Amino acid sequence: MATTLTTAPDTATRPDAPQRAGGGGRRRVFNLPAGLAALIWLAIVLIPLYWILITSLKTQSNYFLSNPFVPPKEPTLDNYRMVIEADFVRYFVNSAIVTAGAVIPAVGISFMAAYAIVRAGNRSRFLRSVNAVFLMGLAIPLQAVIIPVYLIIIRLKMYDTLLAIILPSIAFAIPLSVLVLSNFIRDVPRELFESMRMDGASEWGTLRHLAFPLIRPALVTVTIYNGLSIWNGFLLPLILTQSPTQRTLPLALWTFQGQYSINVPAVLASVVLTTLPILALYVVGRRQLLSGLTAGFSK
């Protein structure tokens, strides 16, 4: 009895077989809802920035008479000149001193504390307790302890000084910084630390030559985040300072507030000038910042 074998036709040779785009790649499908959501979010972000910029170029009289979203026919820089002449340089220097004086120690202490917690936290009960205290600090908002902080500053006789703003800012910046940096240090392979120790490197040498280069994106991310928070801080300067010579930039906005009205274009001009240092800091460290954020999301 003879049997016949039949083979299925090769779909690759069929003329009606579907061909994949790009030589085997998946066909790209446009996600319309996600695109619309992205456009809406972009408008939410850009429209206020556009309004701030064009309003800062208007006079106070034109601000009340013209359409708020129409650019001025005759832009003027008088508002920026007024802001600079109203002791803006002094407020800028105060904010720079407070930000640098708080961010640099906070990041340095957090880096060393995170390294010690990761490297010796399993062997030291004290370091485990310190890590628990740092984690508890994340749950305490500044508004809840502002009165005790005020009383401590009064007892230390530091009221109405820039140091009164710097010290609490350092304390509130450390917990989150330690949490972020310890996660990055924990991802460094343990073999690298062991090889450094076998080569005779001390803990300080390992901290400087191994940990610091590998977690530099995280350090930049923490620095920019803390710098932005302290630069825009309002509550601590409001409660812990009194004299105009100790004002920071957020408090300087009161300069353009009159008894019955507010010079809105001048206030927005000061907002633009206040934003420029943060923008410059982001431009300088944007690559390290994006690397740190990307690595953080991948954990």
C-alpha atoms as a PDB file:
ATOM      1  CA  MET A   1       0.000   0.000   0.000  1.00  0.00           C
ATOM      2  CA  ALA A   2       1.575   3.207  -1.079  1.00  0.00           C
ATOM      3  CA  THR A   3       1.472   6.260   1.113  1.00  0.00           C
ATOM      4  CA  THR A   4       1.941   9.800  -0.008  1.00  0.00           C
ATOM      5  CA  LEU A   5       3.559  12.451   2.140  1.00  0.00           C
ATOM      6  CA  THR A   6       2.327  15.999   1.873  1.00  0.00           C
ATOM      7  CA  THR A   7       4.242  18.926   3.256  1.00  0.00           C
ATOM      8  CA  ALA A   8       2.724  22.196   4.342  1.00  0.00           C
ATOM      9  CA  PRO A   9       3.682  25.083   2.105  1.00  0.00           C
ATOM     10  CA  ASP A  10       6.302  27.408   3.534  1.00  0.00           C
ATOM     11  CA  THR A  11       4.643  30.584   4.639  1.00  0.00           C
ATOM     12  CA  ALA A  12       7.806  32.479   3.872  1.00  0.00           C
ATOM     13  CA  THR A  13       7.426  31.679   0.166  1.00  0.00           C
ATOM     14  CA  ARG A  14       3.755  32.500  -0.043  1.00  0.00           C
ATOM     15  CA  PRO A  15       3.103  35.798  -1.773  1.00  0.00           C
ATOM     16  CA  ASP A  16       0.238  36.579   0.567  1.00  0.00           C
ATOM     17  CA  ALA A  17       2.255  35.991   3.776  1.00  0.00           C
ATOM     18  CA  PRO A  18       2.432  39.093   5.992  1.00  0.00           C
ATOM     19  CA  GLN A  19       5.816  40.728   6.014  1.00  0.00           C
ATOM     20  CA  ARG A  20       7.176  42.291   9.192  1.00  0.00           C
ATOM     21  CA  ALA A  21       8.314  45.859   8.995  1.00  0.00           C
ATOM     22  CA  GLY A  22      12.011  46.495   9.302  1.00  0.00           C
ATOM     23  CA  GLY A  23      13.114  42.926   8.516  1.00  0.00           C
ATOM     24  CA  GLY A  24      11.494  41.174  11.480  1.00  0.00           C
ATOM     25  CA  GLY A  25      10.973  44.099  13.862  1.00  0.00           C
ATOM     26  CA  ARG A  26       7.701  44.799  15.568  1.00  0.00           C
ATOM     27  CA  ARG A  27       5.297  47.217  13.998  1.00  0.00           C
ATOM     28  CA  ARG A  28       5.124  50.488  15.896  1.00  0.00           C
ATOM     29  CA  VAL A  29       1.680  51.510  17.084  1.00  0.00           C
ATOM     30  CA  PHE A  30       1.009  55.114  17.970  1.00  0.00           C
ATOM     31  CA  ASN A  31      -0.486  55.463  21.441  1.00  0.00           C
ATOM     32  CA  LEU A  32      -3.003  58.265  20.984  1.00  0.00           C
ATOM     33  CA  PRO A  33      -4.116  58.605  24.641  1.00  0.00           C
ATOM     34  CA  ALA A  34      -0.528  58.777  25.865  1.00  0.00           C
ATOM     35  CA  GLY A  35       0.321  61.397  23.231  1.00  0.00           C
ATOM     36  CA  LEU A  36      -2.660  63.554  24.188  1.00  0.00           C
ATOM     37  CA  ALA A  37      -1.794  63.231  27.881  1.00  0.00           C
ATOM     38  CA  ALA A  38       1.784  64.285  27.146  1.00  0.00           C
ATOM     39  CA  LEU A  39       0.598  67.335  25.192  1.00  0.00           C
ATOM     40  CA  ILE A  40      -1.777  68.327  27.994  1.00  0.00           C
ATOM     41  CA  TRP A  41       0.994  68.001  30.578  1.00  0.00           C
ATOM     42  CA  LEU A  42       3.359  70.018  28.380  1.00  0.00           C
ATOM     43  CA  ALA A  43       0.764  72.788  28.138  1.00  0.00           C
ATOM     44  CA  ILE A  44       0.229  72.749  31.908  1.00  0.00           C
ATOM     45  CA  VAL A  45       3.970  73.257  32.423  1.00  0.00           C
ATOM     46  CA  LEU A  46       4.713  75.748  29.646  1.00  0.00           C
ATOM     47  CA  ILE A  47       1.705  78.085  29.889  1.00  0.00           C
ATOM     48  CA  PRO A  48       2.541  79.370  33.410  1.00  0.00           C
ATOM     49  CA  LEU A  49       6.191  79.831  32.424  1.00  0.00           C
ATOM     50  CA  TYR A  50       5.136  81.755  29.323  1.00  0.00           C
ATOM     51  CA  TRP A  51       2.812  83.949  31.405  1.00  0.00           C
ATOM     52  CA  ILE A  52       5.538  84.694  33.966  1.00  0.00           C
ATOM     53  CA  LEU A  53       8.029  85.692  31.291  1.00  0.00           C
ATOM     54  CA  ILE A  54       5.758  88.000  29.272  1.00  0.00           C
ATOM     55  CA  THR A  55       4.274  89.588  32.401  1.00  0.00           C
ATOM     56  CA  SER A  56       7.715  90.446  33.750  1.00  0.00           C
ATOM     57  CA  LEU A  57       8.236  92.519  30.571  1.00  0.00           C
ATOM     58  CA  LYS A  58       5.076  94.595  31.109  1.00  0.00           C
ATOM     59  CA  THR A  59       4.547  97.739  33.114  1.00  0.00           C
ATOM     60  CA  GLN A  60       2.217  97.629  36.073  1.00  0.00           C
ATOM     61  CA  SER A  61      -0.427  99.730  34.270  1.00  0.00           C
ATOM     62  CA  ASN A  62      -0.336  97.562  31.133  1.00  0.00           C
ATOM     63  CA  TYR A  63      -0.653  94.442  33.252  1.00  0.00           C
ATOM     64  CA  PHE A  64      -4.149  95.438  34.414  1.00  0.00           C
ATOM     65  CA  LEU A  65      -5.307  96.785  31.034  1.00  0.00           C
ATOM     66  CA  SER A  66      -4.029  94.178  28.568  1.00  0.00           C
ATOM     67  CA  ASN A  67      -4.792  90.529  27.963  1.00  0.00           C
ATOM     68  CA  PRO A  68      -2.631  88.501  30.382  1.00  0.00           C
ATOM     69  CA  PHE A  69      -1.585  86.029  27.671  1.00  0.00           C
ATOM     70  CA  VAL A  70      -0.752  88.582  24.967  1.00  0.00           C
ATOM     71  CA  PRO A  71       2.906  89.675  24.781  1.00  0.00           C
ATOM     72  CA  PRO A  72       3.497  93.385  25.396  1.00  0.00           C
ATOM     73  CA  LYS A  73       3.774  95.607  22.353  1.00  0.00           C
ATOM     74  CA  GLU A  74       6.604  97.535  23.986  1.00  0.00           C
ATOM     75  CA  PRO A  75       8.566  95.199  26.265  1.00  0.00           C
ATOM     76  CA  THR A  76      10.459  96.884  29.072  1.00  0.00           C
ATOM     77  CA  LEU A  77      13.223  95.840  31.457  1.00  0.00           C
ATOM     78  CA  ASP A  78      12.235  98.379  34.103  1.00  0.00           C
ATOM     79  CA  ASN A  79      10.947  95.631  36.381  1.00  0.00           C
ATOM     80  CA  TYR A  80      14.292  93.843  36.319  1.00  0.00           C
ATOM     81  CA  ARG A  81      16.065  97.131  36.974  1.00  0.00           C
ATOM     82  CA  MET A  82      13.748  97.803  39.908  1.00  0.00           C
ATOM     83  CA  VAL A  83      14.402  94.351  41.356  1.00  0.00           C
ATOM     84  CA  ILE A  84      18.175  94.696  41.092  1.00  0.00           C
ATOM     85  CA  GLU A  85      18.098  98.142  42.707  1.00  0.00           C
ATOM     86  CA  ALA A  86      15.952  96.863  45.604  1.00  0.00           C
ATOM     87  CA  ASP A  87      18.885  95.056  47.315  1.00  0.00           C
ATOM     88  CA  PHE A  88      18.464  92.008  45.111  1.00  0.00           C
ATOM     89  CA  VAL A  89      22.217  91.378  45.176  1.00  0.00           C
ATOM     90  CA  ARG A  90      22.214  91.191  48.982  1.00  0.00           C
ATOM     91  CA  TYR A  91      19.302  88.749  49.012  1.00  0.00           C
ATOM     92  CA  PHE A  92      20.973  86.720  46.275  1.00  0.00           C
ATOM     93  CA  VAL A  93      24.199  86.478  48.273  1.00  0.00           C
ATOM     94  CA  ASN A  94      22.276  85.459  51.405  1.00  0.00           C
ATOM     95  CA  SER A  95      20.491  82.697  49.507  1.00  0.00           C
ATOM     96  CA  ALA A  96      23.766  81.530  47.955  1.00  0.00           C
ATOM     97  CA  ILE A  97      25.461  81.393  51.376  1.00  0.00           C
ATOM     98  CA  VAL A  98      22.563  79.478  52.921  1.00  0.00           C
ATOM     99  CA  THR A  99      22.326  77.021  50.019  1.00  0.00           C
ATOM    100  CA  ALA A 100      26.055  76.315  49.751  1.00  0.00           C
ATOM    101  CA  GLY A 101      26.510  76.269  53.524  1.00  0.00           C
ATOM    102  CA  ALA A 102      23.757  73.667  53.898  1.00  0.00           C
ATOM    103  CA  VAL A 103      24.136  71.516  50.781  1.00  0.00           C
ATOM    104  CA  ILE A 104      27.888  70.902  50.933  1.00  0.00           C
ATOM    105  CA  PRO A 105      27.975  69.628  54.558  1.00  0.00           C
ATOM    106  CA  ALA A 106      24.710  67.712  54.129  1.00  0.00           C
ATOM    107  CA  VAL A 107      25.893  65.833  51.037  1.00  0.00           C
ATOM    108  CA  GLY A 108      29.341  65.182  52.534  1.00  0.00           C
ATOM    109  CA  ILE A 109      27.944  63.844  55.821  1.00  0.00           C
ATOM    110  CA  SER A 110      25.308  61.800  53.995  1.00  0.00           C
ATOM    111  CA  PHE A 111      27.904  60.263  51.685  1.00  0.00           C
ATOM    112  CA  MET A 112      30.137  59.147  54.553  1.00  0.00           C
ATOM    113  CA  ALA A 113      27.179  57.948  56.627  1.00  0.00           C
ATOM    114  CA  ALA A 114      25.739  55.951  53.723  1.00  0.00           C
ATOM    115  CA  TYR A 115      29.120  54.343  53.061  1.00  0.00           C
ATOM    116  CA  ALA A 116      29.519  53.355  56.714  1.00  0.00           C
ATOM    117  CA  ILE A 117      25.963  51.994  56.931  1.00  0.00           C
ATOM    118  CA  VAL A 118      26.367  49.847  53.807  1.00  0.00           C
ATOM    119  CA  ARG A 119      29.871  48.605  54.539  1.00  0.00           C
ATOM    120  CA  ALA A 120      29.616  47.984  58.298  1.00  0.00           C
ATOM    121  CA  GLY A 121      25.909  48.193  59.075  1.00  0.00           C
ATOM    122  CA  ASN A 122      25.571  44.406  59.332  1.00  0.00           C
ATOM    123  CA  ARG A 123      28.319  44.217  61.945  1.00  0.00           C
ATOM    124  CA  SER A 124      27.569  47.313  64.020  1.00  0.00           C
ATOM    125  CA  ARG A 125      24.438  47.745  66.107  1.00  0.00           C
ATOM    126  CA  PHE A 126      25.237  51.441  66.452  1.00  0.00           C
ATOM    127  CA  LEU A 127      25.188  52.001  62.685  1.00  0.00           C
ATOM    128  CA  ARG A 128      21.909  50.122  62.391  1.00  0.00           C
ATOM    129  CA  SER A 129      20.462  52.427  65.030  1.00  0.00           C
ATOM    130  CA  VAL A 130      21.787  55.465  63.176  1.00  0.00           C
ATOM    131  CA  ASN A 131      20.194  54.240  59.961  1.00  0.00           C
ATOM    132  CA  ALA A 132      16.880  53.791  61.779  1.00  0.00           C
ATOM    133  CA  VAL A 133      17.101  57.356  63.086  1.00  0.00           C
ATOM    134  CA  PHE A 134      17.697  58.636  59.556  1.00  0.00           C
ATOM    135  CA  LEU A 135      14.680  56.715  58.276  1.00  0.00           C
ATOM    136  CA  MET A 136      12.563  58.146  61.104  1.00  0.00           C
ATOM    137  CA  GLY A 137      13.646  61.610  60.013  1.00  0.00           C
ATOM    138  CA  LEU A 138      11.877  61.089  56.683  1.00  0.00           C
ATOM    139  CA  ALA A 139       8.549  60.859  58.497  1.00  0.00           C
ATOM    140  CA  ILE A 140       8.912  64.166  60.366  1.00  0.00           C
ATOM    141  CA  PRO A 141       7.870  67.230  58.333  1.00  0.00           C
ATOM    142  CA  LEU A 142       9.481  70.585  58.933  1.00  0.00           C
ATOM    143  CA  GLN A 143       6.166  72.204  59.843  1.00  0.00           C
ATOM    144  CA  ALA A 144       5.722  69.784  62.759  1.00  0.00           C
ATOM    145  CA  VAL A 145       8.970  70.759  64.499  1.00  0.00           C
ATOM    146  CA  ILE A 146       9.332  74.407  63.572  1.00  0.00           C
ATOM    147  CA  ILE A 147       8.472  75.575  67.117  1.00  0.00           C
ATOM    148  CA  PRO A 148      11.110  73.354  68.811  1.00  0.00           C
ATOM    149  CA  VAL A 149      13.640  74.440  66.193  1.00  0.00           C
ATOM    150  CA  TYR A 150      12.778  78.082  66.915  1.00  0.00           C
ATOM    151  CA  LEU A 151      13.263  77.575  70.680  1.00  0.00           C
ATOM    152  CA  ILE A 152      16.595  75.803  70.138  1.00  0.00           C
ATOM    153  CA  ILE A 153      17.852  78.624  67.914  1.00  0.00           C
ATOM    154  CA  ILE A 154      16.809  81.173  70.560  1.00  0.00           C
ATOM    155  CA  ARG A 155      18.661  79.237  73.281  1.00  0.00           C
ATOM    156  CA  LEU A 156      21.769  79.045  71.103  1.00  0.00           C
ATOM    157  CA  LYS A 157      21.551  82.826  70.522  1.00  0.00           C
ATOM    158  CA  MET A 158      21.664  82.402  66.756  1.00  0.00           C
ATOM    159  CA  TYR A 159      18.323  84.015  65.956  1.00  0.00           C
ATOM    160  CA  ASP A 160      18.325  86.417  62.985  1.00  0.00           C
ATOM    161  CA  THR A 161      21.498  84.958  61.489  1.00  0.00           C
ATOM    162  CA  LEU A 162      22.125  82.937  58.359  1.00  0.00           C
ATOM    163  CA  LEU A 163      23.541  80.144  60.512  1.00  0.00           C
ATOM    164  CA  ALA A 164      20.094  79.750  62.061  1.00  0.00           C
ATOM    165  CA  ILE A 165      18.804  78.765  58.607  1.00  0.00           C
ATOM    166  CA  ILE A 166      21.799  76.640  57.624  1.00  0.00           C
ATOM    167  CA  LEU A 167      21.863  74.245  60.584  1.00  0.00           C
ATOM    168  CA  PRO A 168      18.201  73.086  60.396  1.00  0.00           C
ATOM    169  CA  SER A 169      18.490  72.856  56.612  1.00  0.00           C
ATOM    170  CA  ILE A 170      21.414  70.444  57.000  1.00  0.00           C
ATOM    171  CA  ALA A 171      19.474  68.334  59.483  1.00  0.00           C
ATOM    172  CA  PHE A 172      16.430  68.010  57.230  1.00  0.00           C
ATOM    173  CA  ALA A 173      18.500  67.299  54.095  1.00  0.00           C
ATOM    174  CA  ILE A 174      20.482  64.393  55.553  1.00  0.00           C
ATOM    175  CA  PRO A 175      17.802  61.635  55.918  1.00  0.00           C
ATOM    176  CA  LEU A 176      16.696  61.529  52.284  1.00  0.00           C
ATOM    177  CA  SER A 177      20.278  61.936  51.062  1.00  0.00           C
ATOM    178  CA  VAL A 178      21.454  58.980  53.155  1.00  0.00           C
ATOM    179  CA  LEU A 179      18.606  56.829  51.853  1.00  0.00           C
ATOM    180  CA  VAL A 180      19.372  57.614  48.198  1.00  0.00           C
ATOM    181  CA  LEU A 181      23.162  57.300  48.474  1.00  0.00           C
ATOM    182  CA  SER A 182      23.051  54.079  50.501  1.00  0.00           C
ATOM    183  CA  ASN A 183      20.930  52.426  47.798  1.00  0.00           C
ATOM    184  CA  PHE A 184      23.489  53.383  45.159  1.00  0.00           C
ATOM    185  CA  ILE A 185      26.470  52.226  47.266  1.00  0.00           C
ATOM    186  CA  ARG A 186      24.672  48.931  47.978  1.00  0.00           C
ATOM    187  CA  ASP A 187      24.545  48.249  44.218  1.00  0.00           C
ATOM    188  CA  VAL A 188      28.339  48.467  43.872  1.00  0.00           C
ATOM    189  CA  PRO A 189      29.695  44.886  43.594  1.00  0.00           C
ATOM    190  CA  ARG A 190      31.221  43.685  46.859  1.00  0.00           C
ATOM    191  CA  GLU A 191      34.140  42.207  44.929  1.00  0.00           C
ATOM    192  CA  LEU A 192      35.372  45.696  44.070  1.00  0.00           C
ATOM    193  CA  PHE A 193      35.576  46.627  47.737  1.00  0.00           C
ATOM    194  CA  GLU A 194      37.349  43.376  48.551  1.00  0.00           C
ATOM    195  CA  SER A 195      39.886  43.897  45.783  1.00  0.00           C
ATOM    196  CA  MET A 196      40.614  47.403  47.061  1.00  0.00           C
ATOM    197  CA  ARG A 197      41.176  46.016  50.560  1.00  0.00           C
ATOM    198  CA  MET A 198      43.493  43.295  49.225  1.00  0.00           C
ATOM    199  CA  ASP A 199      45.504  45.988  47.466  1.00  0.00           C
ATOM    200  CA  GLY A 200      46.051  47.647  50.846  1.00  0.00           C
ATOM    201  CA  ALA A 201      43.638  50.570  50.436  1.00  0.00           C
ATOM    202  CA  SER A 202      42.182  52.067  53.590  1.00  0.00           C
ATOM    203  CA  GLU A 203      38.491  52.778  54.085  1.00  0.00           C
ATOM    204  CA  TRP A 204      39.082  56.449  53.293  1.00  0.00           C
ATOM    205  CA  GLY A 205      40.971  55.475  50.151  1.00  0.00           C
ATOM    206  CA  THR A 206      38.178  53.134  49.088  1.00  0.00           C
ATOM    207  CA  LEU A 207      35.632  55.849  49.803  1.00  0.00           C
ATOM    208  CA  ARG A 208      37.509  58.371  47.688  1.00  0.00           C
ATOM    209  CA  HIS A 209      38.828  56.284  44.796  1.00  0.00           C
ATOM    210  CA  LEU A 210      36.057  53.690  44.390  1.00  0.00           C
ATOM    211  CA  ALA A 211      32.741  54.752  45.910  1.00  0.00           C
ATOM    212  CA  PHE A 212      32.927  58.408  44.929  1.00  0.00           C
ATOM    213  CA  PRO A 213      33.468  57.895  41.155  1.00  0.00           C
ATOM    214  CA  LEU A 214      30.885  55.122  40.907  1.00  0.00           C
ATOM    215  CA  ILE A 215      28.035  56.993  42.599  1.00  0.00           C
ATOM    216  CA  ARG A 216      28.818  60.448  41.218  1.00  0.00           C
ATOM    217  CA  PRO A 217      25.456  60.636  39.392  1.00  0.00           C
ATOM    218  CA  ALA A 218      23.671  60.001  42.687  1.00  0.00           C
ATOM    219  CA  LEU A 219      25.729  62.712  44.401  1.00  0.00           C
ATOM    220  CA  VAL A 220      24.819  65.212  41.679  1.00  0.00           C
ATOM    221  CA  THR A 221      21.151  64.243  41.913  1.00  0.00           C
ATOM    222  CA  VAL A 222      21.083  64.679  45.685  1.00  0.00           C
ATOM    223  CA  THR A 223      22.986  67.970  45.454  1.00  0.00           C
ATOM    224  CA  ILE A 224      20.601  69.483  42.926  1.00  0.00           C
ATOM    225  CA  TYR A 225      17.521  68.274  44.794  1.00  0.00           C
ATOM    226  CA  ASN A 226      18.701  69.647  48.140  1.00  0.00           C
ATOM    227  CA  GLY A 227      19.932  72.856  46.530  1.00  0.00           C
ATOM    228  CA  LEU A 228      16.551  73.441  44.920  1.00  0.00           C
ATOM    229  CA  SER A 229      14.696  72.784  48.184  1.00  0.00           C
ATOM    230  CA  ILE A 230      16.911  75.054  50.280  1.00  0.00           C
ATOM    231  CA  TRP A 231      17.118  77.805  47.642  1.00  0.00           C
ATOM    232  CA  ASN A 232      13.316  78.012  47.525  1.00  0.00           C
ATOM    233  CA  GLY A 233      12.880  77.523  51.271  1.00  0.00           C
ATOM    234  CA  PHE A 234      10.454  79.992  52.828  1.00  0.00           C
ATOM    235  CA  LEU A 235       9.428  78.746  56.278  1.00  0.00           C
ATOM    236  CA  LEU A 236      12.848  78.686  57.965  1.00  0.00           C
ATOM    237  CA  PRO A 237      13.889  82.185  56.812  1.00  0.00           C
ATOM    238  CA  LEU A 238      10.453  83.488  57.779  1.00  0.00           C
ATOM    239  CA  ILE A 239      10.554  82.109  61.328  1.00  0.00           C
ATOM    240  CA  LEU A 240      14.271  82.312  62.144  1.00  0.00           C
ATOM    241  CA  THR A 241      15.163  85.746  60.724  1.00  0.00           C
ATOM    242  CA  GLN A 242      13.759  89.210  61.208  1.00  0.00           C
ATOM    243  CA  SER A 243      15.991  91.976  59.875  1.00  0.00           C
ATOM    244  CA  PRO A 244      15.960  92.876  56.152  1.00  0.00           C
ATOM    245  CA  THR A 245      19.714  92.285  55.898  1.00  0.00           C
ATOM    246  CA  GLN A 246      19.218  88.562  56.603  1.00  0.00           C
ATOM    247  CA  ARG A 247      16.449  87.989  54.072  1.00  0.00           C
ATOM    248  CA  THR A 248      16.752  85.381  51.379  1.00  0.00           C
ATOM    249  CA  LEU A 249      15.255  85.579  47.903  1.00  0.00           C
ATOM    250  CA  PRO A 250      11.854  84.011  48.728  1.00  0.00           C
ATOM    251  CA  LEU A 251      11.359  86.616  51.458  1.00  0.00           C
ATOM    252  CA  ALA A 252      12.541  89.382  49.144  1.00  0.00           C
ATOM    253  CA  LEU A 253       9.242  89.144  47.261  1.00  0.00           C
ATOM    254  CA  TRP A 254       7.699  91.077  50.123  1.00  0.00           C
ATOM    255  CA  THR A 255       9.654  94.111  48.993  1.00  0.00           C
ATOM    256  CA  PHE A 256       7.238  94.624  46.097  1.00  0.00           C
ATOM    257  CA  GLN A 257       4.092  94.250  48.206  1.00  0.00           C
ATOM    258  CA  GLY A 258       2.484  97.563  49.066  1.00  0.00           C
ATOM    259  CA  GLN A 259      -0.262  98.371  51.543  1.00  0.00           C
ATOM    260  CA  TYR A 260      -3.085  98.128  49.017  1.00  0.00           C
ATOM    261  CA  SER A 261      -1.590  96.494  45.939  1.00  0.00           C
ATOM    262  CA  ILE A 262       1.203  94.247  44.670  1.00  0.00           C
ATOM    263  CA  ASN A 263       3.515  95.072  41.797  1.00  0.00           C
ATOM    264  CA  VAL A 264       2.909  91.805  39.980  1.00  0.00           C
ATOM    265  CA  PRO A 265       5.335  92.388  37.044  1.00  0.00           C
ATOM    266  CA  ALA A 266       8.144  93.226  39.497  1.00  0.00           C
ATOM    267  CA  VAL A 267       7.393  90.139  41.565  1.00  0.00           C
ATOM    268  CA  LEU A 268       7.511  87.953  38.461  1.00  0.00           C
ATOM    269  CA  ALA A 269      10.751  89.612  37.345  1.00  0.00           C
ATOM    270  CA  SER A 270      12.268  88.650  40.694  1.00  0.00           C
ATOM    271  CA  VAL A 271      10.950  85.118  40.194  1.00  0.00           C
ATOM    272  CA  VAL A 272      12.724  84.909  36.836  1.00  0.00           C
ATOM    273  CA  LEU A 273      15.995  86.157  38.329  1.00  0.00           C
ATOM    274  CA  THR A 274      15.645  83.733  41.234  1.00  0.00           C
ATOM    275  CA  THR A 275      15.195  80.800  38.853  1.00  0.00           C
ATOM    276  CA  LEU A 276      18.307  81.521  36.782  1.00  0.00           C
ATOM    277  CA  PRO A 277      20.873  80.003  39.242  1.00  0.00           C
ATOM    278  CA  ILE A 278      18.884  76.774  39.534  1.00  0.00           C
ATOM    279  CA  LEU A 279      18.576  76.619  35.748  1.00  0.00           C
ATOM    280  CA  ALA A 280      22.325  77.131  35.381  1.00  0.00           C
ATOM    281  CA  LEU A 281      22.981  74.388  37.952  1.00  0.00           C
ATOM    282  CA  TYR A 282      20.753  72.014  36.002  1.00  0.00           C
ATOM    283  CA  VAL A 283      22.486  72.841  32.698  1.00  0.00           C
ATOM    284  CA  VAL A 284      25.887  72.104  34.237  1.00  0.00           C
ATOM    285  CA  GLY A 285      24.893  68.804  35.858  1.00  0.00           C
ATOM    286  CA  ARG A 286      22.083  67.610  33.608  1.00  0.00           C
ATOM    287  CA  ARG A 287      23.937  64.531  32.338  1.00  0.00           C
ATOM    288  CA  GLN A 288      24.844  63.321  35.804  1.00  0.00           C
ATOM    289  CA  LEU A 289      21.348  64.184  37.029  1.00  0.00           C
ATOM    290  CA  LEU A 290      19.647  62.158  34.285  1.00  0.00           C
ATOM    291  CA  SER A 291      22.016  59.253  34.880  1.00  0.00           C
ATOM    292  CA  GLY A 292      21.216  59.293  38.580  1.00  0.00           C
ATOM    293  CA  LEU A 293      17.466  59.449  38.005  1.00  0.00           C
ATOM    294  CA  THR A 294      17.579  56.674  35.409  1.00  0.00           C
ATOM    295  CA  ALA A 295      19.601  54.452  37.713  1.00  0.00           C
ATOM    296  CA  GLY A 296      17.195  55.176  40.527  1.00  0.00           C
ATOM    297  CA  PHE A 297      14.174  54.163  38.446  1.00  0.00           C
ATOM    298  CA  SER A 298      15.851  50.928  37.419  1.00  0.00           C
ATOM    299  CA  LYS A 299      16.255  49.716  40.995  1.00  0.00           C
END
